Amino acid sequence: MKCIEKEMCNAVALRRNFKKSNTEVISLLNGSVFVKLYDTIIYAYVSGVEYFSDGGWNTATTGSRLRALGANYSTNENKNRCKLQTASFMNNLYFRRLFNI
């Protein structure tokens, strides 16, 4: 696991905001946590449920971040064992939590 991924996972576990390079952890007051890679939400923890998404970016970096967060993800679609959400689902989840909708 890369150093940035350890810091990211630590921030998620502690529910703390974190930003380094292309990775950002956003912790909301309601206990929800989101991880963005560039501008794509790849992870959400909402009401005790974890959600994963590659946002359509099937890249080595996205895969590495998702695996660090606990997803059984592979860039090879035949080996991927992770249920992925769409980018629009993740964005809706984020904005609904952000504005308490």
N, C-alpha and C. Protein backbone atom coordinates (compact mmCIF):
# COMPACT_ATOMS: atom_id res chain seq x y z
N MET A 1 0.85 -1.18 0.00
CA MET A 1 0.00 0.00 0.00
C MET A 1 0.89 1.24 0.00
N LYS A 2 0.53 2.18 -0.82
CA LYS A 2 1.30 3.41 -0.95
C LYS A 2 1.09 4.29 0.28
N CYS A 3 2.05 5.17 0.53
CA CYS A 3 1.99 6.08 1.67
C CYS A 3 0.72 6.93 1.64
N ILE A 4 0.36 7.45 0.48
CA ILE A 4 -0.84 8.27 0.37
C ILE A 4 -2.09 7.46 0.69
N GLU A 5 -2.08 6.18 0.35
CA GLU A 5 -3.23 5.32 0.64
C GLU A 5 -3.34 5.03 2.13
N LYS A 6 -2.21 4.89 2.81
CA LYS A 6 -2.24 4.72 4.27
C LYS A 6 -2.82 5.96 4.94
N GLU A 7 -2.39 7.13 4.49
CA GLU A 7 -2.91 8.38 5.04
C GLU A 7 -4.40 8.53 4.74
N MET A 8 -4.81 8.15 3.54
CA MET A 8 -6.21 8.21 3.14
C MET A 8 -7.05 7.29 4.03
N CYS A 9 -6.61 6.06 4.21
CA CYS A 9 -7.35 5.10 5.04
C CYS A 9 -7.42 5.55 6.50
N ASN A 10 -6.34 6.13 6.99
CA ASN A 10 -6.33 6.65 8.35
C ASN A 10 -7.35 7.79 8.50
N ALA A 11 -7.40 8.68 7.53
CA ALA A 11 -8.37 9.78 7.56
C ALA A 11 -9.80 9.25 7.51
N VAL A 12 -10.05 8.22 6.70
CA VAL A 12 -11.39 7.62 6.63
C VAL A 12 -11.75 7.01 7.98
N ALA A 13 -10.83 6.27 8.57
CA ALA A 13 -11.09 5.60 9.85
C ALA A 13 -11.36 6.62 10.97
N LEU A 14 -10.65 7.73 10.93
CA LEU A 14 -10.81 8.77 11.96
C LEU A 14 -11.89 9.79 11.62
N ARG A 15 -12.50 9.64 10.43
CA ARG A 15 -13.52 10.58 9.95
C ARG A 15 -12.97 12.01 9.93
N ARG A 16 -11.80 12.16 9.32
CA ARG A 16 -11.14 13.46 9.23
C ARG A 16 -10.93 13.85 7.78
N ASN A 17 -10.98 15.14 7.53
CA ASN A 17 -10.70 15.65 6.19
C ASN A 17 -9.22 15.50 5.90
N PHE A 18 -8.92 15.24 4.63
CA PHE A 18 -7.54 15.01 4.21
C PHE A 18 -7.45 15.33 2.72
N LYS A 19 -6.37 15.96 2.32
CA LYS A 19 -6.15 16.21 0.89
C LYS A 19 -4.66 16.14 0.63
N LYS A 20 -4.31 15.33 -0.34
CA LYS A 20 -2.92 15.22 -0.76
C LYS A 20 -2.91 14.79 -2.22
N SER A 21 -2.21 15.56 -3.01
CA SER A 21 -2.08 15.28 -4.44
C SER A 21 -3.46 15.13 -5.08
N ASN A 22 -3.75 13.98 -5.63
CA ASN A 22 -5.01 13.76 -6.36
C ASN A 22 -6.09 13.10 -5.52
N THR A 23 -5.85 12.94 -4.21
CA THR A 23 -6.75 12.20 -3.33
C THR A 23 -7.28 13.10 -2.23
N GLU A 24 -8.59 13.02 -1.99
CA GLU A 24 -9.20 13.84 -0.95
C GLU A 24 -10.22 13.03 -0.17
N VAL A 25 -10.19 13.17 1.16
CA VAL A 25 -11.19 12.57 2.03
C VAL A 25 -12.04 13.71 2.58
N ILE A 26 -13.35 13.57 2.43
CA ILE A 26 -14.29 14.59 2.90
C ILE A 26 -15.16 13.96 3.98
N SER A 27 -15.06 14.50 5.18
CA SER A 27 -15.85 14.01 6.30
C SER A 27 -16.93 15.04 6.63
N LEU A 28 -18.17 14.61 6.61
CA LEU A 28 -19.29 15.52 6.89
C LEU A 28 -19.70 15.40 8.35
N LEU A 29 -20.36 16.42 8.86
CA LEU A 29 -20.77 16.44 10.26
C LEU A 29 -21.74 15.33 10.61
N ASN A 30 -22.47 14.81 9.64
CA ASN A 30 -23.44 13.74 9.91
C ASN A 30 -22.79 12.36 9.97
N GLY A 31 -21.45 12.30 9.89
CA GLY A 31 -20.74 11.03 9.98
C GLY A 31 -20.44 10.37 8.65
N SER A 32 -20.93 10.92 7.58
CA SER A 32 -20.65 10.37 6.25
C SER A 32 -19.23 10.73 5.83
N VAL A 33 -18.60 9.83 5.08
CA VAL A 33 -17.25 10.05 4.59
C VAL A 33 -17.21 9.73 3.10
N PHE A 34 -16.54 10.59 2.35
CA PHE A 34 -16.40 10.40 0.91
C PHE A 34 -14.94 10.53 0.54
N VAL A 35 -14.52 9.73 -0.45
CA VAL A 35 -13.15 9.83 -0.97
C VAL A 35 -13.25 10.18 -2.45
N LYS A 36 -12.50 11.21 -2.82
CA LYS A 36 -12.44 11.63 -4.22
C LYS A 36 -11.04 11.37 -4.76
N LEU A 37 -10.99 10.87 -5.96
CA LEU A 37 -9.76 10.76 -6.72
C LEU A 37 -9.93 11.70 -7.89
N TYR A 38 -9.10 12.73 -7.94
CA TYR A 38 -9.32 13.87 -8.83
C TYR A 38 -10.70 14.42 -8.50
N ASP A 39 -11.63 14.47 -9.41
CA ASP A 39 -12.97 15.00 -9.12
C ASP A 39 -14.03 13.90 -9.09
N THR A 40 -13.60 12.66 -8.99
CA THR A 40 -14.52 11.52 -9.01
C THR A 40 -14.64 10.91 -7.63
N ILE A 41 -15.87 10.77 -7.14
CA ILE A 41 -16.09 10.12 -5.84
C ILE A 41 -15.96 8.62 -6.06
N ILE A 42 -14.98 8.02 -5.39
CA ILE A 42 -14.75 6.59 -5.55
C ILE A 42 -15.20 5.77 -4.34
N TYR A 43 -15.46 6.46 -3.22
CA TYR A 43 -15.84 5.76 -1.99
C TYR A 43 -16.80 6.62 -1.19
N ALA A 44 -17.79 5.97 -0.61
CA ALA A 44 -18.71 6.66 0.29
C ALA A 44 -19.04 5.74 1.45
N TYR A 45 -19.07 6.31 2.63
CA TYR A 45 -19.54 5.61 3.83
C TYR A 45 -20.71 6.43 4.36
N VAL A 46 -21.91 5.88 4.20
CA VAL A 46 -23.13 6.61 4.56
C VAL A 46 -24.03 5.69 5.36
N SER A 47 -24.42 6.12 6.54
CA SER A 47 -25.34 5.36 7.40
C SER A 47 -24.89 3.91 7.59
N GLY A 48 -23.59 3.72 7.78
CA GLY A 48 -23.05 2.39 8.04
C GLY A 48 -22.84 1.51 6.82
N VAL A 49 -23.07 2.05 5.63
CA VAL A 49 -22.92 1.28 4.39
C VAL A 49 -21.80 1.88 3.55
N GLU A 50 -20.95 0.99 3.01
CA GLU A 50 -19.87 1.42 2.13
C GLU A 50 -20.29 1.26 0.67
N TYR A 51 -19.96 2.26 -0.13
CA TYR A 51 -20.23 2.23 -1.56
C TYR A 51 -18.91 2.49 -2.30
N PHE A 52 -18.73 1.82 -3.41
CA PHE A 52 -17.52 1.96 -4.22
C PHE A 52 -17.89 2.30 -5.66
N SER A 53 -17.02 3.06 -6.31
CA SER A 53 -17.22 3.40 -7.71
C SER A 53 -15.87 3.70 -8.35
N ASP A 54 -15.71 3.27 -9.59
CA ASP A 54 -14.51 3.70 -10.32
C ASP A 54 -14.85 4.88 -11.22
N GLY A 55 -16.10 5.30 -11.21
CA GLY A 55 -16.53 6.45 -11.98
C GLY A 55 -16.31 6.29 -13.48
N GLY A 56 -16.13 5.06 -13.91
CA GLY A 56 -15.85 4.81 -15.32
C GLY A 56 -14.37 4.90 -15.66
N TRP A 57 -13.55 5.22 -14.66
CA TRP A 57 -12.09 5.34 -14.87
C TRP A 57 -11.43 4.06 -14.39
N ASN A 58 -11.37 3.10 -15.25
CA ASN A 58 -10.81 1.79 -14.95
C ASN A 58 -9.28 1.87 -15.07
N THR A 59 -8.63 2.55 -14.10
CA THR A 59 -7.19 2.77 -14.17
C THR A 59 -6.48 2.08 -13.00
N ALA A 60 -5.18 1.96 -13.12
CA ALA A 60 -4.38 1.35 -12.06
C ALA A 60 -4.47 2.16 -10.77
N THR A 61 -4.46 3.48 -10.87
CA THR A 61 -4.54 4.31 -9.67
C THR A 61 -5.89 4.17 -8.99
N THR A 62 -6.96 4.20 -9.75
CA THR A 62 -8.29 4.02 -9.19
C THR A 62 -8.39 2.66 -8.51
N GLY A 63 -7.91 1.63 -9.17
CA GLY A 63 -7.93 0.28 -8.61
C GLY A 63 -7.14 0.19 -7.32
N SER A 64 -5.98 0.81 -7.29
CA SER A 64 -5.14 0.79 -6.10
C SER A 64 -5.83 1.47 -4.92
N ARG A 65 -6.46 2.63 -5.17
CA ARG A 65 -7.16 3.35 -4.10
C ARG A 65 -8.36 2.53 -3.59
N LEU A 66 -9.12 1.94 -4.52
CA LEU A 66 -10.28 1.15 -4.12
C LEU A 66 -9.87 -0.08 -3.30
N ARG A 67 -8.81 -0.75 -3.72
CA ARG A 67 -8.35 -1.92 -2.96
C ARG A 67 -7.86 -1.50 -1.57
N ALA A 68 -7.20 -0.36 -1.47
CA ALA A 68 -6.75 0.14 -0.17
C ALA A 68 -7.94 0.41 0.75
N LEU A 69 -9.06 0.81 0.16
CA LEU A 69 -10.27 1.09 0.94
C LEU A 69 -11.07 -0.18 1.25
N GLY A 70 -10.62 -1.32 0.77
CA GLY A 70 -11.25 -2.59 1.11
C GLY A 70 -12.09 -3.22 0.03
N ALA A 71 -12.12 -2.63 -1.14
CA ALA A 71 -12.90 -3.19 -2.25
C ALA A 71 -12.14 -4.35 -2.90
N ASN A 72 -12.86 -5.38 -3.29
CA ASN A 72 -12.28 -6.50 -4.02
C ASN A 72 -12.34 -6.15 -5.51
N TYR A 73 -11.57 -5.14 -5.89
CA TYR A 73 -11.64 -4.53 -7.21
C TYR A 73 -10.49 -4.99 -8.09
N SER A 74 -10.79 -5.18 -9.36
CA SER A 74 -9.77 -5.47 -10.35
C SER A 74 -10.08 -4.66 -11.61
N THR A 75 -9.03 -4.18 -12.26
CA THR A 75 -9.24 -3.47 -13.52
C THR A 75 -9.64 -4.44 -14.62
N ASN A 76 -9.44 -5.74 -14.41
CA ASN A 76 -9.90 -6.77 -15.33
C ASN A 76 -11.36 -7.07 -14.97
N GLU A 77 -12.28 -6.74 -15.86
CA GLU A 77 -13.70 -6.90 -15.56
C GLU A 77 -14.08 -8.32 -15.19
N ASN A 78 -13.39 -9.31 -15.72
CA ASN A 78 -13.69 -10.71 -15.41
C ASN A 78 -13.27 -11.10 -14.00
N LYS A 79 -12.33 -10.37 -13.41
CA LYS A 79 -11.84 -10.67 -12.06
C LYS A 79 -12.41 -9.73 -11.00
N ASN A 80 -13.12 -8.71 -11.42
CA ASN A 80 -13.67 -7.74 -10.48
C ASN A 80 -14.78 -8.39 -9.65
N ARG A 81 -14.65 -8.34 -8.33
CA ARG A 81 -15.64 -8.93 -7.43
C ARG A 81 -16.29 -7.87 -6.55
N CYS A 82 -16.22 -6.65 -7.00
CA CYS A 82 -16.73 -5.51 -6.23
C CYS A 82 -17.98 -4.96 -6.90
N LYS A 83 -19.02 -4.74 -6.11
CA LYS A 83 -20.23 -4.10 -6.66
C LYS A 83 -19.95 -2.61 -6.77
N LEU A 84 -19.96 -2.12 -7.98
CA LEU A 84 -19.67 -0.71 -8.24
C LEU A 84 -20.94 0.08 -8.48
N GLN A 85 -20.95 1.29 -7.95
CA GLN A 85 -22.04 2.23 -8.19
C GLN A 85 -21.63 3.15 -9.34
N THR A 86 -22.59 3.78 -9.95
CA THR A 86 -22.30 4.72 -11.02
C THR A 86 -21.81 6.04 -10.43
N ALA A 87 -21.15 6.84 -11.25
CA ALA A 87 -20.69 8.15 -10.80
C ALA A 87 -21.87 9.03 -10.40
N SER A 88 -22.97 8.96 -11.14
CA SER A 88 -24.14 9.79 -10.79
C SER A 88 -24.75 9.36 -9.46
N PHE A 89 -24.76 8.06 -9.17
CA PHE A 89 -25.25 7.58 -7.87
C PHE A 89 -24.40 8.17 -6.75
N MET A 90 -23.08 8.12 -6.90
CA MET A 90 -22.17 8.63 -5.88
C MET A 90 -22.33 10.13 -5.70
N ASN A 91 -22.47 10.87 -6.80
CA ASN A 91 -22.67 12.31 -6.70
C ASN A 91 -23.98 12.65 -5.99
N ASN A 92 -25.05 11.92 -6.33
CA ASN A 92 -26.33 12.14 -5.65
C ASN A 92 -26.22 11.85 -4.17
N LEU A 93 -25.54 10.78 -3.83
CA LEU A 93 -25.33 10.42 -2.43
C LEU A 93 -24.60 11.54 -1.69
N TYR A 94 -23.57 12.06 -2.32
CA TYR A 94 -22.77 13.13 -1.71
C TYR A 94 -23.60 14.39 -1.51
N PHE A 95 -24.29 14.84 -2.55
CA PHE A 95 -25.02 16.10 -2.43
C PHE A 95 -26.23 15.97 -1.51
N ARG A 96 -26.84 14.80 -1.46
CA ARG A 96 -27.96 14.59 -0.53
C ARG A 96 -27.46 14.66 0.92
N ARG A 97 -26.30 14.10 1.18
CA ARG A 97 -25.73 14.16 2.53
C ARG A 97 -25.21 15.55 2.86
N LEU A 98 -24.61 16.20 1.89
CA LEU A 98 -24.05 17.53 2.10
C LEU A 98 -25.15 18.53 2.48
N PHE A 99 -26.28 18.43 1.81
CA PHE A 99 -27.37 19.39 2.05
C PHE A 99 -28.51 18.79 2.86
N ASN A 100 -28.29 17.61 3.47
CA ASN A 100 -29.28 16.94 4.32
C ASN A 100 -30.64 16.81 3.65
N ILE A 101 -30.62 16.36 2.40
CA ILE A 101 -31.88 16.18 1.65
C ILE A 101 -32.42 14.81 1.94
